[in-house]
């Protein structure tokens, strides 16, 4: 998949102001614990992944992980997923382009892979802010849920070719309230199938190739 080079360039070679206050500086949108509960990760409006070591009743702050950001709200992170082996953390939100997704190596802080809605790749149709991310059980694919109601499957098998498929089309909306109802607030996997939940309470499932889209149930 052709990638936007700007998403990989962290701009550390160019002048910029970076705040490192040793903690959060904005609204927190998602929290994740590692499996054993020894670390807590958080993302939000301050545009970084924060990590704390959890020891008893105390928290010890680690250096934050950064992705490529831009002025004003560009770079705010609204979704976070940790790979099954916990080596990588994926984040997305309102990126340099609305639908940007980045996977960071938690040990080095480098961007290991990235997905951007630039021209010339299958993800070019993506235009919604990302509100939900999830790894599959083998850690070689991500489900991506967007504000416009669309769901994407991003596969990156070891030794294989990347695959990007829009498995659920966006929902036409006419007003702010309808937009909130269309938003994909959760994604996950059941075996190889992608599951998702909308703001209106609809829960659905679809295959990674976009086939067999079905509604499982709807919350009242």
C-alpha atoms as a PDB file:
ATOM      1  CA  UNK A   1       0.000   0.000   0.000  1.00  0.00           C
ATOM      2  CA  UNK A   2       1.424   3.386  -0.958  1.00  0.00           C
ATOM      3  CA  UNK A   3       1.959   5.497   2.137  1.00  0.00           C
ATOM      4  CA  UNK A   4       2.175   9.224   2.801  1.00  0.00           C
ATOM      5  CA  UNK A   5       5.796   9.910   3.765  1.00  0.00           C
ATOM      6  CA  UNK A   6       4.681  12.769   6.043  1.00  0.00           C
ATOM      7  CA  UNK A   7       2.953  10.299   8.338  1.00  0.00           C
ATOM      8  CA  UNK A   8       6.243   8.499   8.977  1.00  0.00           C
ATOM      9  CA  UNK A   9       8.288  11.699   9.373  1.00  0.00           C
ATOM     10  CA  UNK A  10       8.087  12.670  13.028  1.00  0.00           C
ATOM     11  CA  UNK A  11       9.499  16.119  12.231  1.00  0.00           C
ATOM     12  CA  UNK A  12      12.137  15.810  14.947  1.00  0.00           C
ATOM     13  CA  UNK A  13      14.678  17.324  12.509  1.00  0.00           C
ATOM     14  CA  UNK A  14      12.578  20.474  12.115  1.00  0.00           C
ATOM     15  CA  UNK A  15      11.980  23.218  14.699  1.00  0.00           C
ATOM     16  CA  UNK A  16       8.900  22.601  16.798  1.00  0.00           C
ATOM     17  CA  UNK A  17       7.633  23.019  20.331  1.00  0.00           C
ATOM     18  CA  UNK A  18       7.096  19.807  22.305  1.00  0.00           C
ATOM     19  CA  UNK A  19       5.639  19.817  25.801  1.00  0.00           C
ATOM     20  CA  UNK A  20       6.803  17.037  28.129  1.00  0.00           C
ATOM     21  CA  UNK A  21       5.071  17.778  31.434  1.00  0.00           C
ATOM     22  CA  UNK A  22       5.399  14.244  32.778  1.00  0.00           C
ATOM     23  CA  UNK A  23       1.683  13.535  32.523  1.00  0.00           C
ATOM     24  CA  UNK A  24      -1.523  14.370  30.727  1.00  0.00           C
ATOM     25  CA  UNK A  25      -2.209  17.873  29.367  1.00  0.00           C
ATOM     26  CA  UNK A  26      -5.594  17.370  27.702  1.00  0.00           C
ATOM     27  CA  UNK A  27      -8.826  15.415  27.712  1.00  0.00           C
ATOM     28  CA  UNK A  28      -8.329  11.642  27.854  1.00  0.00           C
ATOM     29  CA  UNK A  29     -10.291   9.647  25.275  1.00  0.00           C
ATOM     30  CA  UNK A  30      -9.117   6.063  25.831  1.00  0.00           C
ATOM     31  CA  UNK A  31      -7.287   4.032  28.479  1.00  0.00           C
ATOM     32  CA  UNK A  32      -5.778   0.573  28.086  1.00  0.00           C
ATOM     33  CA  UNK A  33      -4.079  -1.751  30.565  1.00  0.00           C
ATOM     34  CA  UNK A  34      -1.568  -4.364  29.473  1.00  0.00           C
ATOM     35  CA  UNK A  35      -2.770  -7.927  30.063  1.00  0.00           C
ATOM     36  CA  UNK A  36      -1.074  -8.333  33.444  1.00  0.00           C
ATOM     37  CA  UNK A  37      -2.152  -4.881  34.609  1.00  0.00           C
ATOM     38  CA  UNK A  38       1.446  -3.721  35.092  1.00  0.00           C
ATOM     39  CA  UNK A  39       1.158  -0.782  32.667  1.00  0.00           C
ATOM     40  CA  UNK A  40      -1.523   1.778  31.851  1.00  0.00           C
ATOM     41  CA  UNK A  41      -1.655   3.574  28.483  1.00  0.00           C
ATOM     42  CA  UNK A  42      -3.720   6.645  27.621  1.00  0.00           C
ATOM     43  CA  UNK A  43      -4.406   8.842  24.579  1.00  0.00           C
ATOM     44  CA  UNK A  44      -6.383  11.999  24.020  1.00  0.00           C
ATOM     45  CA  UNK A  45      -6.257  15.635  23.000  1.00  0.00           C
ATOM     46  CA  UNK A  46      -2.588  16.101  23.981  1.00  0.00           C
ATOM     47  CA  UNK A  47      -1.575  14.018  20.920  1.00  0.00           C
ATOM     48  CA  UNK A  48       0.728  11.407  22.506  1.00  0.00           C
ATOM     49  CA  UNK A  49       0.550   7.935  24.048  1.00  0.00           C
ATOM     50  CA  UNK A  50       1.193   8.160  27.773  1.00  0.00           C
ATOM     51  CA  UNK A  51       2.434   5.111  29.676  1.00  0.00           C
ATOM     52  CA  UNK A  52       2.627   4.504  33.415  1.00  0.00           C
ATOM     53  CA  UNK A  53       4.084   1.546  35.285  1.00  0.00           C
ATOM     54  CA  UNK A  54       1.564   0.385  37.896  1.00  0.00           C
ATOM     55  CA  UNK A  55       3.157  -0.659  41.172  1.00  0.00           C
ATOM     56  CA  UNK A  56       0.774  -1.206  44.036  1.00  0.00           C
ATOM     57  CA  UNK A  57      -0.947   2.102  44.669  1.00  0.00           C
ATOM     58  CA  UNK A  58       1.579   4.215  42.728  1.00  0.00           C
ATOM     59  CA  UNK A  59       2.164   5.149  39.080  1.00  0.00           C
ATOM     60  CA  UNK A  60       5.573   5.768  37.484  1.00  0.00           C
ATOM     61  CA  UNK A  61       5.543   7.780  34.266  1.00  0.00           C
ATOM     62  CA  UNK A  62       7.485   6.625  31.183  1.00  0.00           C
ATOM     63  CA  UNK A  63       8.564   8.819  28.233  1.00  0.00           C
ATOM     64  CA  UNK A  64       5.567   9.341  25.903  1.00  0.00           C
ATOM     65  CA  UNK A  65       5.230   7.855  22.422  1.00  0.00           C
ATOM     66  CA  UNK A  66       4.629  10.407  19.661  1.00  0.00           C
ATOM     67  CA  UNK A  67       3.147  10.318  16.187  1.00  0.00           C
ATOM     68  CA  UNK A  68       3.092  12.958  13.487  1.00  0.00           C
ATOM     69  CA  UNK A  69       0.971  15.941  14.512  1.00  0.00           C
ATOM     70  CA  UNK A  70       0.080  19.328  13.112  1.00  0.00           C
ATOM     71  CA  UNK A  71      -1.381  22.604  14.280  1.00  0.00           C
ATOM     72  CA  UNK A  72      -4.556  23.080  16.337  1.00  0.00           C
ATOM     73  CA  UNK A  73      -6.477  19.776  16.787  1.00  0.00           C
ATOM     74  CA  UNK A  74      -4.508  17.855  14.146  1.00  0.00           C
ATOM     75  CA  UNK A  75      -2.901  14.917  15.917  1.00  0.00           C
ATOM     76  CA  UNK A  76      -5.484  14.446  18.660  1.00  0.00           C
ATOM     77  CA  UNK A  77      -5.749  10.716  19.395  1.00  0.00           C
ATOM     78  CA  UNK A  78      -9.193   9.266  20.079  1.00  0.00           C
ATOM     79  CA  UNK A  79      -8.478   5.542  19.751  1.00  0.00           C
ATOM     80  CA  UNK A  80      -5.810   3.144  21.018  1.00  0.00           C
ATOM     81  CA  UNK A  81      -5.057  -0.565  20.601  1.00  0.00           C
ATOM     82  CA  UNK A  82      -2.226  -2.716  21.969  1.00  0.00           C
ATOM     83  CA  UNK A  83      -0.948  -5.644  19.891  1.00  0.00           C
ATOM     84  CA  UNK A  84      -1.391  -9.138  21.400  1.00  0.00           C
ATOM     85  CA  UNK A  85       2.363  -9.429  22.047  1.00  0.00           C
ATOM     86  CA  UNK A  86       2.279  -5.883  23.503  1.00  0.00           C
ATOM     87  CA  UNK A  87       5.231  -4.774  21.351  1.00  0.00           C
ATOM     88  CA  UNK A  88       3.169  -2.227  19.434  1.00  0.00           C
ATOM     89  CA  UNK A  89       0.558   0.406  20.152  1.00  0.00           C
ATOM     90  CA  UNK A  90      -1.751   1.671  17.404  1.00  0.00           C
ATOM     91  CA  UNK A  91      -3.346   5.093  17.659  1.00  0.00           C
ATOM     92  CA  UNK A  92      -5.620   7.176  15.485  1.00  0.00           C
ATOM     93  CA  UNK A  93      -8.017  10.073  15.679  1.00  0.00           C
ATOM     94  CA  UNK A  94      -7.924  13.449  13.965  1.00  0.00           C
ATOM     95  CA  UNK A  95      -4.523  13.150  12.299  1.00  0.00           C
ATOM     96  CA  UNK A  96      -2.628  15.136   9.688  1.00  0.00           C
ATOM     97  CA  UNK A  97      -5.292  13.695   7.427  1.00  0.00           C
ATOM     98  CA  UNK A  98      -8.558  12.875   9.171  1.00  0.00           C
ATOM     99  CA  UNK A  99      -8.273   9.085   8.986  1.00  0.00           C
ATOM    100  CA  UNK A 100      -4.548   8.576   9.709  1.00  0.00           C
ATOM    101  CA  UNK A 101      -3.520   5.488  11.700  1.00  0.00           C
ATOM    102  CA  UNK A 102      -0.024   4.888  13.088  1.00  0.00           C
ATOM    103  CA  UNK A 103       1.526   1.823  14.742  1.00  0.00           C
ATOM    104  CA  UNK A 104       4.367   2.651  17.139  1.00  0.00           C
ATOM    105  CA  UNK A 105       7.082   0.350  18.440  1.00  0.00           C
ATOM    106  CA  UNK A 106       6.723   0.681  22.203  1.00  0.00           C
ATOM    107  CA  UNK A 107      10.424  -0.041  22.826  1.00  0.00           C
ATOM    108  CA  UNK A 108      11.942   2.401  20.336  1.00  0.00           C
ATOM    109  CA  UNK A 109       9.163   4.948  19.860  1.00  0.00           C
ATOM    110  CA  UNK A 110       9.492   4.646  16.082  1.00  0.00           C
ATOM    111  CA  UNK A 111       6.518   4.416  13.735  1.00  0.00           C
ATOM    112  CA  UNK A 112       6.549   0.799  12.576  1.00  0.00           C
ATOM    113  CA  UNK A 113       3.774   1.164  10.006  1.00  0.00           C
ATOM    114  CA  UNK A 114       1.177   3.746   9.055  1.00  0.00           C
ATOM    115  CA  UNK A 115      -2.011   4.181   7.066  1.00  0.00           C
ATOM    116  CA  UNK A 116      -3.018   7.484   5.500  1.00  0.00           C
ATOM    117  CA  UNK A 117      -5.813   8.565   3.176  1.00  0.00           C
ATOM    118  CA  UNK A 118      -3.436  10.004   0.603  1.00  0.00           C
ATOM    119  CA  UNK A 119      -3.914   9.627  -3.130  1.00  0.00           C
ATOM    120  CA  UNK A 120      -2.956   6.420  -4.879  1.00  0.00           C
ATOM    121  CA  UNK A 121      -3.875   3.832  -2.251  1.00  0.00           C
ATOM    122  CA  UNK A 122      -7.075   1.941  -1.320  1.00  0.00           C
ATOM    123  CA  UNK A 123      -7.472   4.012   1.855  1.00  0.00           C
ATOM    124  CA  UNK A 124      -7.868   7.187  -0.221  1.00  0.00           C
ATOM    125  CA  UNK A 125     -11.647   6.951   0.232  1.00  0.00           C
ATOM    126  CA  UNK A 126     -11.306   7.242   4.006  1.00  0.00           C
ATOM    127  CA  UNK A 127     -12.351  10.651   5.281  1.00  0.00           C
ATOM    128  CA  UNK A 128     -13.686  10.174   8.798  1.00  0.00           C
ATOM    129  CA  UNK A 129     -12.034  10.802  12.139  1.00  0.00           C
ATOM    130  CA  UNK A 130     -11.119   7.451  13.726  1.00  0.00           C
ATOM    131  CA  UNK A 131     -12.850   6.612  17.019  1.00  0.00           C
ATOM    132  CA  UNK A 132     -12.101   2.915  17.446  1.00  0.00           C
ATOM    133  CA  UNK A 133      -9.259   0.462  16.764  1.00  0.00           C
ATOM    134  CA  UNK A 134      -8.735  -3.217  17.510  1.00  0.00           C
ATOM    135  CA  UNK A 135      -6.098  -5.852  16.750  1.00  0.00           C
ATOM    136  CA  UNK A 136      -7.037  -9.366  15.711  1.00  0.00           C
ATOM    137  CA  UNK A 137      -5.832 -12.308  17.823  1.00  0.00           C
ATOM    138  CA  UNK A 138      -2.679 -12.859  15.760  1.00  0.00           C
ATOM    139  CA  UNK A 139      -1.644  -9.197  15.711  1.00  0.00           C
ATOM    140  CA  UNK A 140      -1.387  -8.969  11.925  1.00  0.00           C
ATOM    141  CA  UNK A 141      -4.527  -6.916  11.269  1.00  0.00           C
ATOM    142  CA  UNK A 142      -6.400  -3.920  12.638  1.00  0.00           C
ATOM    143  CA  UNK A 143     -10.069  -2.982  12.445  1.00  0.00           C
ATOM    144  CA  UNK A 144     -10.614   0.764  12.073  1.00  0.00           C
ATOM    145  CA  UNK A 145     -13.938   2.450  12.935  1.00  0.00           C
ATOM    146  CA  UNK A 146     -14.649   5.973  11.747  1.00  0.00           C
ATOM    147  CA  UNK A 147     -16.944   8.868  12.528  1.00  0.00           C
ATOM    148  CA  UNK A 148     -18.792   8.612   9.207  1.00  0.00           C
ATOM    149  CA  UNK A 149     -19.961   5.074  10.022  1.00  0.00           C
ATOM    150  CA  UNK A 150     -17.397   3.256   7.887  1.00  0.00           C
ATOM    151  CA  UNK A 151     -15.275   0.308   9.046  1.00  0.00           C
ATOM    152  CA  UNK A 152     -11.956  -0.693   7.483  1.00  0.00           C
ATOM    153  CA  UNK A 153      -9.878  -3.865   7.635  1.00  0.00           C
ATOM    154  CA  UNK A 154      -6.100  -3.334   7.503  1.00  0.00           C
ATOM    155  CA  UNK A 155      -4.103  -6.547   7.216  1.00  0.00           C
ATOM    156  CA  UNK A 156      -0.293  -6.704   7.325  1.00  0.00           C
ATOM    157  CA  UNK A 157       0.725 -10.398   7.521  1.00  0.00           C
ATOM    158  CA  UNK A 158       4.391 -11.208   8.102  1.00  0.00           C
ATOM    159  CA  UNK A 159       5.954 -12.001   4.750  1.00  0.00           C
ATOM    160  CA  UNK A 160       2.744 -11.098   2.906  1.00  0.00           C
ATOM    161  CA  UNK A 161       1.217  -8.089   1.206  1.00  0.00           C
ATOM    162  CA  UNK A 162      -0.718  -5.420   3.043  1.00  0.00           C
ATOM    163  CA  UNK A 163      -4.457  -5.431   2.463  1.00  0.00           C
ATOM    164  CA  UNK A 164      -6.771  -2.477   3.020  1.00  0.00           C
ATOM    165  CA  UNK A 165     -10.515  -3.006   2.536  1.00  0.00           C
ATOM    166  CA  UNK A 166     -13.498  -0.857   3.446  1.00  0.00           C
ATOM    167  CA  UNK A 167     -15.783  -3.536   4.850  1.00  0.00           C
ATOM    168  CA  UNK A 168     -18.647  -1.234   5.908  1.00  0.00           C
ATOM    169  CA  UNK A 169     -19.647   1.809   3.865  1.00  0.00           C
ATOM    170  CA  UNK A 170     -20.184   5.247   5.456  1.00  0.00           C
ATOM    171  CA  UNK A 171     -23.669   6.265   6.524  1.00  0.00           C
ATOM    172  CA  UNK A 172     -25.177   9.367   4.852  1.00  0.00           C
ATOM    173  CA  UNK A 173     -25.936  11.908   7.584  1.00  0.00           C
ATOM    174  CA  UNK A 174     -27.669  15.268   7.502  1.00  0.00           C
ATOM    175  CA  UNK A 175     -27.310  16.635  11.032  1.00  0.00           C
ATOM    176  CA  UNK A 176     -24.976  16.572  14.031  1.00  0.00           C
ATOM    177  CA  UNK A 177     -27.238  14.252  16.025  1.00  0.00           C
ATOM    178  CA  UNK A 178     -27.424  11.773  13.147  1.00  0.00           C
ATOM    179  CA  UNK A 179     -23.639  11.968  12.827  1.00  0.00           C
ATOM    180  CA  UNK A 180     -23.161  10.920  16.433  1.00  0.00           C
ATOM    181  CA  UNK A 181     -25.521   7.999  15.907  1.00  0.00           C
ATOM    182  CA  UNK A 182     -23.613   6.814  12.832  1.00  0.00           C
ATOM    183  CA  UNK A 183     -20.181   6.946  14.492  1.00  0.00           C
ATOM    184  CA  UNK A 184     -18.411   3.607  15.012  1.00  0.00           C
ATOM    185  CA  UNK A 185     -17.793   3.640  18.758  1.00  0.00           C
ATOM    186  CA  UNK A 186     -16.295   0.133  19.039  1.00  0.00           C
ATOM    187  CA  UNK A 187     -14.619  -2.446  16.813  1.00  0.00           C
ATOM    188  CA  UNK A 188     -13.300  -5.919  17.536  1.00  0.00           C
ATOM    189  CA  UNK A 189     -12.779  -9.374  16.094  1.00  0.00           C
ATOM    190  CA  UNK A 190     -14.669 -12.641  16.497  1.00  0.00           C
ATOM    191  CA  UNK A 191     -12.364 -15.181  14.928  1.00  0.00           C
ATOM    192  CA  UNK A 192     -11.561 -13.639  11.558  1.00  0.00           C
ATOM    193  CA  UNK A 193     -14.787 -11.616  11.337  1.00  0.00           C
ATOM    194  CA  UNK A 194     -14.848  -7.920  12.168  1.00  0.00           C
ATOM    195  CA  UNK A 195     -17.468  -6.755  14.654  1.00  0.00           C
ATOM    196  CA  UNK A 196     -18.540  -3.164  15.221  1.00  0.00           C
ATOM    197  CA  UNK A 197     -20.984  -1.021  17.190  1.00  0.00           C
ATOM    198  CA  UNK A 198     -22.543   2.280  16.111  1.00  0.00           C
ATOM    199  CA  UNK A 199     -23.627   5.192  18.235  1.00  0.00           C
ATOM    200  CA  UNK A 200     -27.274   4.245  17.620  1.00  0.00           C
ATOM    201  CA  UNK A 201     -26.763   0.886  19.384  1.00  0.00           C
ATOM    202  CA  UNK A 202     -26.473  -1.274  16.274  1.00  0.00           C
ATOM    203  CA  UNK A 203     -23.982  -4.135  16.559  1.00  0.00           C
ATOM    204  CA  UNK A 204     -22.881  -5.845  13.344  1.00  0.00           C
ATOM    205  CA  UNK A 205     -20.398  -8.280  11.876  1.00  0.00           C
ATOM    206  CA  UNK A 206     -18.675  -8.543   8.509  1.00  0.00           C
ATOM    207  CA  UNK A 207     -15.960 -10.646   6.883  1.00  0.00           C
ATOM    208  CA  UNK A 208     -12.515  -9.098   6.228  1.00  0.00           C
ATOM    209  CA  UNK A 209     -13.259  -8.957   2.511  1.00  0.00           C
ATOM    210  CA  UNK A 210     -16.484  -7.004   3.089  1.00  0.00           C
ATOM    211  CA  UNK A 211     -18.819  -9.933   2.460  1.00  0.00           C
ATOM    212  CA  UNK A 212     -21.633 -11.260   4.642  1.00  0.00           C
ATOM    213  CA  UNK A 213     -22.426  -7.952   6.364  1.00  0.00           C
ATOM    214  CA  UNK A 214     -25.076  -8.644   8.986  1.00  0.00           C
ATOM    215  CA  UNK A 215     -26.699  -7.022  12.006  1.00  0.00           C
ATOM    216  CA  UNK A 216     -26.317  -9.074  15.175  1.00  0.00           C
ATOM    217  CA  UNK A 217     -28.625  -7.034  17.421  1.00  0.00           C
ATOM    218  CA  UNK A 218     -29.513  -3.491  18.411  1.00  0.00           C
ATOM    219  CA  UNK A 219     -29.605  -2.018  21.879  1.00  0.00           C
ATOM    220  CA  UNK A 220     -32.965  -0.381  22.672  1.00  0.00           C
END
